[in-house]
């Protein structure tokens, strides 16, 4: 069950991730234009998952004490009992770090060229 604030923002029949889910469903073998009912069910599932994950993160940060902020480690802690989710999250974090490092290296090389005037 979704909290009231999520339901209010979504409104009745409003799909939050419709376009993205249609593309994902097609990518995973569904029809190019999946049934609106299927997209709506998937949207509800995704919104419920995000809502539950968010609530768990808030509860976890509240347990740590006043002023504790939510972090990536909270997500990893919450999904630790779900190996596929856990390892996918770890993989995405690793890729993010690699991309950040590559961008930094690329921008450093660009600054060297500017400084050297080449």
C-alpha atoms as a PDB file:
ATOM      1  CA  UNK A   1       0.000   0.000   0.000  1.00  0.00           C
ATOM      2  CA  UNK A   2       1.330   3.397  -0.989  1.00  0.00           C
ATOM      3  CA  UNK A   3       1.497   6.253   1.476  1.00  0.00           C
ATOM      4  CA  UNK A   4      -1.067   9.001   0.985  1.00  0.00           C
ATOM      5  CA  UNK A   5       1.499  11.547  -0.218  1.00  0.00           C
ATOM      6  CA  UNK A   6       2.501   9.260  -3.116  1.00  0.00           C
ATOM      7  CA  UNK A   7      -1.093   8.571  -4.077  1.00  0.00           C
ATOM      8  CA  UNK A   8      -1.950  12.273  -3.977  1.00  0.00           C
ATOM      9  CA  UNK A   9       0.898  13.242  -6.306  1.00  0.00           C
ATOM     10  CA  UNK A  10       0.193  10.426  -8.721  1.00  0.00           C
ATOM     11  CA  UNK A  11      -3.546  10.881  -8.811  1.00  0.00           C
ATOM     12  CA  UNK A  12      -5.966   8.218  -9.951  1.00  0.00           C
ATOM     13  CA  UNK A  13      -4.810   6.464 -13.125  1.00  0.00           C
ATOM     14  CA  UNK A  14      -1.728   8.670 -13.531  1.00  0.00           C
ATOM     15  CA  UNK A  15       1.328   6.711 -14.542  1.00  0.00           C
ATOM     16  CA  UNK A  16       4.651   8.020 -13.263  1.00  0.00           C
ATOM     17  CA  UNK A  17       7.058   5.872 -15.274  1.00  0.00           C
ATOM     18  CA  UNK A  18       4.840   4.914 -18.237  1.00  0.00           C
ATOM     19  CA  UNK A  19       7.188   5.843 -21.080  1.00  0.00           C
ATOM     20  CA  UNK A  20      10.239   4.309 -19.433  1.00  0.00           C
ATOM     21  CA  UNK A  21       8.383   1.122 -18.533  1.00  0.00           C
ATOM     22  CA  UNK A  22       6.996   0.737 -22.052  1.00  0.00           C
ATOM     23  CA  UNK A  23      10.556   0.929 -23.418  1.00  0.00           C
ATOM     24  CA  UNK A  24      11.848  -1.506 -20.794  1.00  0.00           C
ATOM     25  CA  UNK A  25       8.996  -3.939 -21.386  1.00  0.00           C
ATOM     26  CA  UNK A  26       9.681  -3.866 -25.135  1.00  0.00           C
ATOM     27  CA  UNK A  27      13.392  -4.366 -24.474  1.00  0.00           C
ATOM     28  CA  UNK A  28      12.596  -7.446 -22.383  1.00  0.00           C
ATOM     29  CA  UNK A  29      10.444  -8.982 -25.116  1.00  0.00           C
ATOM     30  CA  UNK A  30       6.978  -7.463 -24.778  1.00  0.00           C
ATOM     31  CA  UNK A  31       5.096  -5.942 -27.683  1.00  0.00           C
ATOM     32  CA  UNK A  32       6.361  -2.606 -29.043  1.00  0.00           C
ATOM     33  CA  UNK A  33       3.244  -0.959 -27.590  1.00  0.00           C
ATOM     34  CA  UNK A  34       2.326  -2.955 -24.469  1.00  0.00           C
ATOM     35  CA  UNK A  35      -1.219  -2.894 -23.182  1.00  0.00           C
ATOM     36  CA  UNK A  36      -1.943   0.180 -21.044  1.00  0.00           C
ATOM     37  CA  UNK A  37      -3.181  -2.123 -18.285  1.00  0.00           C
ATOM     38  CA  UNK A  38       0.168  -3.949 -18.238  1.00  0.00           C
ATOM     39  CA  UNK A  39       2.063  -0.677 -18.069  1.00  0.00           C
ATOM     40  CA  UNK A  40      -0.197   0.505 -15.250  1.00  0.00           C
ATOM     41  CA  UNK A  41       0.406  -2.683 -13.238  1.00  0.00           C
ATOM     42  CA  UNK A  42       4.154  -2.373 -13.743  1.00  0.00           C
ATOM     43  CA  UNK A  43       3.995   1.309 -12.770  1.00  0.00           C
ATOM     44  CA  UNK A  44       2.191   0.397  -9.547  1.00  0.00           C
ATOM     45  CA  UNK A  45       4.800  -2.273  -8.761  1.00  0.00           C
ATOM     46  CA  UNK A  46       7.709   0.112  -9.391  1.00  0.00           C
ATOM     47  CA  UNK A  47       6.124   2.919  -7.349  1.00  0.00           C
ATOM     48  CA  UNK A  48       5.421   0.508  -4.481  1.00  0.00           C
ATOM     49  CA  UNK A  49       9.015  -0.732  -4.571  1.00  0.00           C
ATOM     50  CA  UNK A  50      10.445   2.800  -4.537  1.00  0.00           C
ATOM     51  CA  UNK A  51       8.046   3.847  -1.782  1.00  0.00           C
ATOM     52  CA  UNK A  52       8.918   0.834   0.395  1.00  0.00           C
ATOM     53  CA  UNK A  53      12.645   1.266  -0.206  1.00  0.00           C
ATOM     54  CA  UNK A  54      12.393   4.955   0.714  1.00  0.00           C
ATOM     55  CA  UNK A  55      10.456   4.194   3.892  1.00  0.00           C
ATOM     56  CA  UNK A  56      13.043   1.583   4.873  1.00  0.00           C
ATOM     57  CA  UNK A  57      15.852   4.075   4.270  1.00  0.00           C
ATOM     58  CA  UNK A  58      14.146   6.719   6.396  1.00  0.00           C
ATOM     59  CA  UNK A  59      13.574   4.223   9.207  1.00  0.00           C
ATOM     60  CA  UNK A  60      17.214   3.128   9.021  1.00  0.00           C
ATOM     61  CA  UNK A  61      18.543   6.683   9.147  1.00  0.00           C
ATOM     62  CA  UNK A  62      16.229   7.474  12.090  1.00  0.00           C
ATOM     63  CA  UNK A  63      17.668   4.496  13.991  1.00  0.00           C
ATOM     64  CA  UNK A  64      21.147   5.978  13.590  1.00  0.00           C
ATOM     65  CA  UNK A  65      20.021   9.114  15.360  1.00  0.00           C
ATOM     66  CA  UNK A  66      19.114  12.728  14.871  1.00  0.00           C
ATOM     67  CA  UNK A  67      20.607  14.403  11.861  1.00  0.00           C
ATOM     68  CA  UNK A  68      21.672  11.154  10.204  1.00  0.00           C
ATOM     69  CA  UNK A  69      21.344  11.386   6.455  1.00  0.00           C
ATOM     70  CA  UNK A  70      20.390   8.631   4.056  1.00  0.00           C
ATOM     71  CA  UNK A  71      23.245   7.173   2.030  1.00  0.00           C
ATOM     72  CA  UNK A  72      24.054   4.651  -0.647  1.00  0.00           C
ATOM     73  CA  UNK A  73      25.185   2.289   2.109  1.00  0.00           C
ATOM     74  CA  UNK A  74      21.597   2.328   3.411  1.00  0.00           C
ATOM     75  CA  UNK A  75      20.352   0.975   0.090  1.00  0.00           C
ATOM     76  CA  UNK A  76      23.021  -1.723   0.117  1.00  0.00           C
ATOM     77  CA  UNK A  77      22.118  -2.647   3.699  1.00  0.00           C
ATOM     78  CA  UNK A  78      18.411  -2.886   2.864  1.00  0.00           C
ATOM     79  CA  UNK A  79      18.901  -5.074  -0.229  1.00  0.00           C
ATOM     80  CA  UNK A  80      21.682  -7.232   1.290  1.00  0.00           C
ATOM     81  CA  UNK A  81      19.355 -10.257   1.575  1.00  0.00           C
ATOM     82  CA  UNK A  82      18.484 -10.066  -2.132  1.00  0.00           C
ATOM     83  CA  UNK A  83      21.671 -11.178  -3.915  1.00  0.00           C
ATOM     84  CA  UNK A  84      20.636 -10.096  -7.418  1.00  0.00           C
ATOM     85  CA  UNK A  85      19.694  -6.598  -6.255  1.00  0.00           C
ATOM     86  CA  UNK A  86      22.712  -6.307  -3.998  1.00  0.00           C
ATOM     87  CA  UNK A  87      25.277  -7.303  -6.608  1.00  0.00           C
ATOM     88  CA  UNK A  88      23.597  -5.218  -9.314  1.00  0.00           C
ATOM     89  CA  UNK A  89      23.693  -2.174  -7.024  1.00  0.00           C
ATOM     90  CA  UNK A  90      27.377  -2.844  -6.262  1.00  0.00           C
ATOM     91  CA  UNK A  91      28.087  -3.198  -9.993  1.00  0.00           C
ATOM     92  CA  UNK A  92      26.324   0.089 -10.785  1.00  0.00           C
ATOM     93  CA  UNK A  93      28.271   1.877  -8.043  1.00  0.00           C
ATOM     94  CA  UNK A  94      31.517   0.513  -9.457  1.00  0.00           C
ATOM     95  CA  UNK A  95      30.567   1.672 -12.969  1.00  0.00           C
ATOM     96  CA  UNK A  96      29.640   5.108 -11.633  1.00  0.00           C
ATOM     97  CA  UNK A  97      33.061   5.389  -9.979  1.00  0.00           C
ATOM     98  CA  UNK A  98      34.782   4.341 -13.228  1.00  0.00           C
ATOM     99  CA  UNK A  99      32.805   6.898 -15.255  1.00  0.00           C
ATOM    100  CA  UNK A 100      33.549   9.652 -12.747  1.00  0.00           C
ATOM    101  CA  UNK A 101      37.250   8.795 -12.836  1.00  0.00           C
ATOM    102  CA  UNK A 102      37.262   8.705 -16.653  1.00  0.00           C
ATOM    103  CA  UNK A 103      35.569  12.113 -16.818  1.00  0.00           C
ATOM    104  CA  UNK A 104      38.063  13.534 -14.343  1.00  0.00           C
ATOM    105  CA  UNK A 105      40.987  12.122 -16.314  1.00  0.00           C
ATOM    106  CA  UNK A 106      39.526  13.455 -19.557  1.00  0.00           C
ATOM    107  CA  UNK A 107      38.977  16.935 -18.114  1.00  0.00           C
ATOM    108  CA  UNK A 108      42.500  16.911 -16.604  1.00  0.00           C
ATOM    109  CA  UNK A 109      43.965  16.127 -20.031  1.00  0.00           C
ATOM    110  CA  UNK A 110      41.914  18.959 -21.527  1.00  0.00           C
ATOM    111  CA  UNK A 111      43.250  21.364 -18.906  1.00  0.00           C
ATOM    112  CA  UNK A 112      46.840  20.223 -19.669  1.00  0.00           C
ATOM    113  CA  UNK A 113      46.328  21.025 -23.341  1.00  0.00           C
ATOM    114  CA  UNK A 114      44.947  24.464 -22.446  1.00  0.00           C
ATOM    115  CA  UNK A 115      47.894  25.173 -20.151  1.00  0.00           C
ATOM    116  CA  UNK A 116      50.461  23.943 -22.671  1.00  0.00           C
ATOM    117  CA  UNK A 117      48.744  25.792 -25.502  1.00  0.00           C
ATOM    118  CA  UNK A 118      48.531  22.779 -27.777  1.00  0.00           C
END
